[in-house]
Amino acid sequence: MLTMPGFRFLRPGRLEDALDALDGGSTLLVAGGTDVVPNMKRGLLRPERLVSLRRLPELAVTRVEADGSLTLGAGAVLADLGTDVRIDHGWPGIAAAARAVASPQIRNVATLGGNLCLDTRCAYYDQSAFWRSALGHCLKTSGDVCHVVPHGRRCVAALSADMPPALIAAGASIRLASRRGERALPLQAFYTQDGARNTVRTEDEIVVGVSVPAPEPGTRSAYVKVRPRGAIDFPALSVAVHLVLADGGVRSLRLVVGALASAPRVVDGLDALAVGRPLTPAVIDAVAERARAACHPLPNVDVDADWRRAVLPVHVRRVLAALAGRGQP
């Protein structure tokens, strides 16, 4: 049986108090704890203190603004986001991503902020301390080698969170607070290409929430998660699409692929292939092939990398064909 190491547990009631609690000592933020607790049991995380964010009213926000944009607090529970009719109507890709996370039991306690800050995963990292001690530590822990890319100098553990690809596709920005003030940046810029530390959040910052622009007329979006089982599992691959159709053609198209590396992959070069053209099968095929060419899965999760690359264009074709016919994949 895996047991929890000892720690102090703090439960601030205000955001200011939570920010104050980040001063001094080895501190880790926790909301639902659905990822933090298992990782602590495996010995992957050994904080001296846990600071709970569950009681902060500043983070419990789900609101459609007067200008039609969407504001989501980091403390919003994923089960609520997945069943909110306002989100499902205006941003169906985001709602679908929330519904795709793990299981109903986990979604009932897991939060948006926790999913955005989910630790990266790797088949050689997410193991017990005993297992890892036999193989040897890696770049994500205290070692000097990557077991996925033996001569690599950067950790390639994958971000397996469901919400980031859908939110990035929708053009979301993220807000962070510290004692120095608050800052906002595009969610895409929040992530880095280093699995050992894959966000730009500093140790004295707390994710407050995200803002999503109002959908334009003709907007369609979707999120597709590829995983061995229909529940529980992290994605082996995910595809988020944000499509705007106008005047019989594509006005804009954003395609984001998740679970490949430490940051979601925004597929580039799509404007030349699709914008200004009807979303015909030929255009869909070109976009799917561009996604395949741009994405190179690594053997960092427990699903074959070559298979993941092979099925990526299949799912891109399916989701675009469904959106072109006003359906949902």
Protein backbone atom coordinates (compact mmCIF):
# COMPACT_ATOMS: atom_id res chain seq x y z
CA MET A 1 0.00 0.00 0.00
CA LEU A 2 1.26 3.49 -0.90
CA THR A 3 1.04 5.91 2.00
CA MET A 4 1.07 9.70 2.20
CA PRO A 5 4.16 11.47 3.55
CA GLY A 6 3.71 13.90 6.42
CA PHE A 7 2.77 17.53 5.71
CA ARG A 8 1.03 20.58 7.16
CA PHE A 9 -2.40 21.44 5.72
CA LEU A 10 -3.54 25.06 5.46
CA ARG A 11 -7.09 26.14 4.53
CA PRO A 12 -7.16 29.89 3.86
CA GLY A 13 -10.54 31.55 3.37
CA ARG A 14 -9.40 34.43 1.15
CA LEU A 15 -7.13 34.75 -1.86
CA GLU A 16 -4.91 37.19 0.05
CA ASP A 17 -4.42 34.65 2.82
CA ALA A 18 -3.57 31.94 0.28
CA LEU A 19 -0.95 34.17 -1.32
CA ASP A 20 0.55 34.89 2.10
CA ALA A 21 0.72 31.16 2.78
CA LEU A 22 3.03 30.68 -0.22
CA ASP A 23 5.86 32.44 1.60
CA GLY A 24 8.45 30.15 3.08
CA GLY A 25 8.97 26.43 3.04
CA SER A 26 8.20 23.81 0.42
CA THR A 27 4.56 24.57 -0.44
CA LEU A 28 2.17 22.99 -2.89
CA LEU A 29 -1.27 24.24 -3.92
CA VAL A 30 -4.15 21.76 -3.90
CA ALA A 31 -7.80 22.04 -4.91
CA GLY A 32 -9.57 18.75 -5.67
CA GLY A 33 -6.37 16.79 -5.08
CA THR A 34 -7.22 14.14 -7.66
CA ASP A 35 -3.70 14.29 -9.16
CA VAL A 36 -1.67 15.71 -6.27
CA VAL A 37 -2.62 13.01 -3.76
CA PRO A 38 -1.69 10.00 -5.99
CA ASN A 39 1.59 11.70 -6.89
CA MET A 40 2.40 12.27 -3.24
CA LYS A 41 1.71 8.61 -2.53
CA ARG A 42 4.15 7.63 -5.29
CA GLY A 43 6.80 9.86 -3.79
CA LEU A 44 6.82 12.16 -6.80
CA LEU A 45 5.89 15.17 -4.66
CA ARG A 46 7.09 15.78 -1.10
CA PRO A 47 5.86 19.22 0.01
CA GLU A 48 6.21 20.40 3.59
CA ARG A 49 2.86 22.18 3.35
CA LEU A 50 -0.32 21.89 1.30
CA VAL A 51 -2.38 25.06 0.78
CA SER A 52 -6.01 24.31 -0.02
CA LEU A 53 -7.82 26.57 -2.51
CA ARG A 54 -11.25 25.04 -2.01
CA ARG A 55 -12.62 27.79 0.22
CA LEU A 56 -11.66 30.81 -1.89
CA PRO A 57 -14.78 32.60 -3.20
CA GLU A 58 -12.65 34.59 -5.66
CA LEU A 59 -11.99 31.39 -7.62
CA ALA A 60 -15.57 30.06 -7.68
CA VAL A 61 -16.76 32.01 -10.72
CA THR A 62 -18.61 30.88 -13.84
CA ARG A 63 -20.02 33.87 -15.68
CA VAL A 64 -20.97 34.99 -19.19
CA GLU A 65 -20.06 38.68 -19.40
CA ALA A 66 -22.11 41.47 -20.97
CA ASP A 67 -19.90 41.39 -24.08
CA GLY A 68 -20.57 37.67 -24.53
CA SER A 69 -17.19 36.48 -23.26
CA LEU A 70 -16.83 33.70 -20.71
CA THR A 71 -15.13 34.00 -17.33
CA LEU A 72 -14.25 30.82 -15.49
CA GLY A 73 -12.68 30.75 -12.05
CA ALA A 74 -9.88 28.32 -11.33
CA GLY A 75 -12.00 26.80 -8.57
CA ALA A 76 -14.86 25.88 -10.91
CA VAL A 77 -15.62 22.16 -10.66
CA LEU A 78 -15.27 20.27 -13.94
CA ALA A 79 -18.60 18.45 -13.53
CA ASP A 80 -20.35 21.83 -13.40
CA LEU A 81 -18.52 23.12 -16.48
CA GLY A 82 -19.43 20.03 -18.46
CA THR A 83 -23.14 20.36 -17.70
CA ASP A 84 -23.51 24.16 -17.86
CA VAL A 85 -25.92 24.84 -20.74
CA ARG A 86 -24.42 28.29 -21.34
CA ILE A 87 -20.99 26.80 -21.97
CA ASP A 88 -22.35 23.90 -23.98
CA HIS A 89 -24.25 26.34 -26.22
CA GLY A 90 -21.55 28.95 -26.81
CA TRP A 91 -18.37 26.90 -26.37
CA PRO A 92 -19.28 23.21 -26.90
CA GLY A 93 -15.64 22.18 -27.27
CA ILE A 94 -14.86 23.43 -23.76
CA ALA A 95 -17.89 21.67 -22.29
CA ALA A 96 -16.95 18.45 -24.09
CA ALA A 97 -13.41 18.62 -22.70
CA ALA A 98 -14.76 19.01 -19.16
CA ARG A 99 -17.03 16.00 -19.63
CA ALA A 100 -14.12 13.92 -20.95
CA VAL A 101 -11.98 14.19 -17.82
CA ALA A 102 -11.51 10.90 -15.94
CA SER A 103 -14.73 9.67 -14.26
CA PRO A 104 -17.86 11.24 -12.72
CA GLN A 105 -16.41 10.82 -9.24
CA ILE A 106 -13.25 12.70 -10.15
CA ARG A 107 -15.07 15.40 -12.14
CA ASN A 108 -17.22 16.11 -9.08
CA VAL A 109 -14.17 17.34 -7.14
CA ALA A 110 -11.54 18.20 -9.76
CA THR A 111 -11.23 21.87 -10.67
CA LEU A 112 -10.40 23.87 -13.76
CA GLY A 113 -7.24 25.29 -12.19
CA GLY A 114 -6.04 21.86 -11.21
CA ASN A 115 -6.51 20.59 -14.75
CA LEU A 116 -4.68 23.57 -16.23
CA CYS A 117 -1.76 22.97 -13.84
CA LEU A 118 -1.81 19.18 -14.11
CA ASP A 119 1.64 17.70 -13.73
CA THR A 120 3.10 16.28 -16.93
CA ARG A 121 3.09 12.52 -17.25
CA CYS A 122 5.53 9.95 -18.54
CA ALA A 123 5.59 6.16 -18.56
CA TYR A 124 8.98 6.29 -16.83
CA TYR A 125 7.94 8.89 -14.23
CA ASP A 126 4.45 8.08 -12.99
CA GLN A 127 5.55 5.03 -11.07
CA SER A 128 6.22 4.17 -7.45
CA ALA A 129 9.45 5.25 -5.78
CA PHE A 130 10.55 1.58 -5.70
CA TRP A 131 10.00 1.19 -9.46
CA ARG A 132 11.89 4.39 -10.26
CA SER A 133 14.78 3.52 -7.97
CA ALA A 134 15.36 0.30 -9.93
CA LEU A 135 15.50 2.05 -13.31
CA GLY A 136 17.25 5.25 -12.22
CA HIS A 137 15.93 8.78 -11.93
CA CYS A 138 15.24 11.01 -14.93
CA LEU A 139 15.34 14.70 -15.86
CA LYS A 140 11.95 15.27 -14.25
CA THR A 141 13.20 14.13 -10.87
CA SER A 142 16.82 14.20 -9.72
CA GLY A 143 18.47 12.38 -12.59
CA ASP A 144 20.46 13.54 -15.61
CA VAL A 145 19.00 11.32 -18.35
CA CYS A 146 15.71 11.11 -20.26
CA HIS A 147 14.55 7.51 -20.63
CA VAL A 148 12.37 8.48 -23.61
CA VAL A 149 15.12 10.36 -25.50
CA PRO A 150 18.35 9.04 -23.93
CA HIS A 151 20.54 11.83 -25.28
CA GLY A 152 17.96 14.55 -24.80
CA ARG A 153 18.66 17.56 -22.62
CA ARG A 154 15.01 18.44 -22.02
CA CYS A 155 12.22 16.50 -20.33
CA VAL A 156 9.57 15.33 -22.79
CA ALA A 157 6.88 14.27 -20.31
CA ALA A 158 3.43 14.95 -21.79
CA LEU A 159 0.73 17.33 -20.62
CA SER A 160 -2.27 14.99 -20.50
CA ALA A 161 -4.84 17.54 -19.35
CA ASP A 162 -8.11 17.81 -21.29
CA MET A 163 -9.03 21.46 -20.73
CA PRO A 164 -5.94 23.27 -22.14
CA PRO A 165 -6.32 22.19 -25.81
CA ALA A 166 -10.00 23.17 -25.94
CA LEU A 167 -9.39 26.50 -24.19
CA ILE A 168 -6.37 27.35 -26.35
CA ALA A 169 -8.37 26.58 -29.50
CA ALA A 170 -11.06 29.00 -28.26
CA GLY A 171 -8.47 31.76 -27.76
CA ALA A 172 -8.53 31.78 -23.95
CA SER A 173 -6.28 33.82 -21.73
CA ILE A 174 -5.24 32.91 -18.19
CA ARG A 175 -5.02 35.15 -15.13
CA LEU A 176 -2.51 34.69 -12.32
CA ALA A 177 -2.29 36.52 -8.99
CA SER A 178 0.58 37.09 -6.56
CA ARG A 179 1.47 39.59 -3.87
CA ARG A 180 3.03 41.61 -6.70
CA GLY A 181 -0.33 41.95 -8.44
CA GLU A 182 -2.22 40.19 -11.22
CA ARG A 183 -1.15 39.39 -14.77
CA ALA A 184 -2.87 37.89 -17.78
CA LEU A 185 -1.42 36.13 -20.80
CA PRO A 186 -2.65 33.91 -23.62
CA LEU A 187 -3.15 30.38 -22.34
CA GLN A 188 -0.92 29.08 -25.11
CA ALA A 189 1.96 31.14 -23.67
CA PHE A 190 1.38 29.66 -20.21
CA TYR A 191 2.98 26.37 -21.25
CA THR A 192 6.63 25.67 -22.07
CA GLN A 193 8.45 22.90 -23.91
CA ASP A 194 10.00 21.43 -20.78
CA GLY A 195 8.15 18.61 -19.10
CA ALA A 196 10.03 19.09 -15.82
CA ARG A 197 8.51 22.56 -15.42
CA ASN A 198 6.01 23.12 -18.17
CA THR A 199 4.32 26.38 -17.10
CA VAL A 200 5.51 29.93 -16.53
CA ARG A 201 3.70 30.15 -13.19
CA THR A 202 6.11 31.22 -10.48
CA GLU A 203 6.09 29.74 -6.98
CA ASP A 204 4.36 32.80 -5.51
CA GLU A 205 1.50 32.81 -8.05
CA ILE A 206 -1.97 31.29 -8.01
CA VAL A 207 -4.04 30.69 -11.14
CA VAL A 208 -7.19 32.80 -10.69
CA GLY A 209 -9.09 31.74 -13.81
CA VAL A 210 -9.45 32.05 -17.55
CA SER A 211 -11.28 34.35 -19.95
CA VAL A 212 -12.64 33.12 -23.27
CA PRO A 213 -13.69 35.49 -26.09
CA ALA A 214 -17.31 35.57 -27.21
CA PRO A 215 -17.94 33.19 -30.12
CA GLU A 216 -18.37 34.82 -33.52
CA PRO A 217 -21.44 34.06 -35.63
CA GLY A 218 -20.85 30.77 -37.42
CA THR A 219 -18.56 29.36 -34.73
CA ARG A 220 -18.40 25.62 -34.20
CA SER A 221 -16.09 23.81 -31.84
CA ALA A 222 -15.38 20.31 -30.62
CA TYR A 223 -13.05 18.24 -28.50
CA VAL A 224 -12.17 14.60 -29.13
CA LYS A 225 -10.27 12.42 -26.68
CA VAL A 226 -8.55 9.22 -27.77
CA ARG A 227 -7.94 6.79 -24.88
CA PRO A 228 -7.91 3.04 -24.30
CA ARG A 229 -11.10 3.09 -22.17
CA GLY A 230 -14.13 5.33 -22.29
CA ALA A 231 -13.51 6.63 -18.77
CA ILE A 232 -10.74 7.11 -16.19
CA ASP A 233 -7.84 7.06 -18.66
CA PHE A 234 -5.72 10.05 -19.55
CA PRO A 235 -5.70 10.85 -23.27
CA ALA A 236 -3.33 9.04 -25.56
CA LEU A 237 -4.16 11.86 -27.95
CA SER A 238 -6.64 14.72 -28.02
CA VAL A 239 -7.92 17.04 -30.73
CA ALA A 240 -9.57 20.43 -30.18
CA VAL A 241 -11.05 22.39 -33.07
CA HIS A 242 -12.40 25.95 -33.20
CA LEU A 243 -13.98 26.70 -36.57
CA VAL A 244 -15.73 29.81 -37.90
CA LEU A 245 -17.73 29.48 -41.13
CA ALA A 246 -19.02 32.51 -43.03
CA ASP A 247 -20.20 33.23 -46.60
CA GLY A 248 -19.96 29.58 -47.55
CA GLY A 249 -16.35 29.20 -46.52
CA VAL A 250 -13.92 29.02 -43.63
CA ARG A 251 -13.23 32.34 -41.92
CA SER A 252 -10.86 30.89 -39.33
CA LEU A 253 -9.71 27.49 -38.15
CA ARG A 254 -7.67 26.59 -35.08
CA LEU A 255 -6.57 23.04 -34.41
CA VAL A 256 -4.81 22.04 -31.19
CA VAL A 257 -3.44 18.57 -30.46
CA GLY A 258 -2.85 17.48 -26.88
CA ALA A 259 -1.02 14.73 -24.96
CA LEU A 260 1.97 14.76 -27.31
CA ALA A 261 4.48 16.85 -25.37
CA SER A 262 4.73 19.18 -22.38
CA ALA A 263 2.62 21.83 -24.13
CA PRO A 264 -0.41 21.46 -26.43
CA ARG A 265 0.57 21.63 -30.08
CA VAL A 266 -1.14 24.38 -32.11
CA VAL A 267 -1.05 23.18 -35.71
CA ASP A 268 0.17 25.99 -37.96
CA GLY A 269 -0.18 26.55 -41.67
CA LEU A 270 -3.95 26.04 -41.74
CA ASP A 271 -4.87 29.48 -43.07
CA ALA A 272 -3.31 28.72 -46.45
CA LEU A 273 -5.14 25.40 -46.63
CA ALA A 274 -8.64 26.35 -45.48
CA VAL A 275 -9.40 30.05 -44.99
CA GLY A 276 -11.64 31.46 -47.70
CA ARG A 277 -12.58 28.02 -49.00
CA PRO A 278 -15.59 25.79 -48.43
CA LEU A 279 -14.88 22.99 -45.97
CA THR A 280 -14.90 20.28 -48.64
CA PRO A 281 -13.53 16.75 -48.21
CA ALA A 282 -10.39 17.83 -50.08
CA VAL A 283 -9.78 20.71 -47.68
CA ILE A 284 -10.46 18.43 -44.71
CA ASP A 285 -7.94 15.91 -46.05
CA ALA A 286 -5.33 18.66 -46.46
CA VAL A 287 -5.85 19.86 -42.88
CA ALA A 288 -5.65 16.30 -41.54
CA GLU A 289 -2.43 15.64 -43.42
CA ARG A 290 -0.97 18.91 -42.11
CA ALA A 291 -1.76 17.80 -38.57
CA ARG A 292 -0.04 14.46 -39.15
CA ALA A 293 3.04 16.16 -40.59
CA ALA A 294 3.26 18.66 -37.73
CA CYS A 295 2.83 16.23 -34.82
CA HIS A 296 5.36 13.62 -33.81
CA PRO A 297 4.29 11.61 -30.74
CA LEU A 298 7.04 10.20 -28.55
CA PRO A 299 7.04 6.93 -26.56
CA ASN A 300 6.33 8.89 -23.37
CA VAL A 301 2.94 7.33 -22.56
CA ASP A 302 1.70 3.74 -22.47
CA VAL A 303 0.27 3.83 -25.99
CA ASP A 304 2.33 3.18 -29.11
CA ALA A 305 3.69 6.41 -30.61
CA ASP A 306 3.43 5.26 -34.24
CA TRP A 307 -0.20 4.28 -33.71
CA ARG A 308 -0.98 7.67 -32.18
CA ARG A 309 0.49 9.45 -35.19
CA ALA A 310 -1.40 7.18 -37.57
CA VAL A 311 -4.80 7.77 -35.97
CA LEU A 312 -4.37 11.55 -35.56
CA PRO A 313 -5.45 12.45 -39.14
CA VAL A 314 -8.33 9.98 -38.86
CA HIS A 315 -9.78 11.86 -35.89
CA VAL A 316 -9.09 15.26 -37.46
CA ARG A 317 -11.07 14.21 -40.54
CA ARG A 318 -13.93 12.91 -38.44
CA VAL A 319 -14.26 16.00 -36.27
CA LEU A 320 -14.05 18.43 -39.21
CA ALA A 321 -16.56 16.42 -41.24
CA ALA A 322 -18.95 16.43 -38.28
CA LEU A 323 -18.58 20.19 -37.77
CA ALA A 324 -19.00 20.87 -41.49
CA GLY A 325 -22.34 19.06 -41.30
CA ARG A 326 -23.29 20.98 -38.12
CA GLY A 327 -23.02 17.79 -36.16
CA GLN A 328 -20.92 16.89 -33.13
CA PRO A 329 -18.24 14.19 -33.33
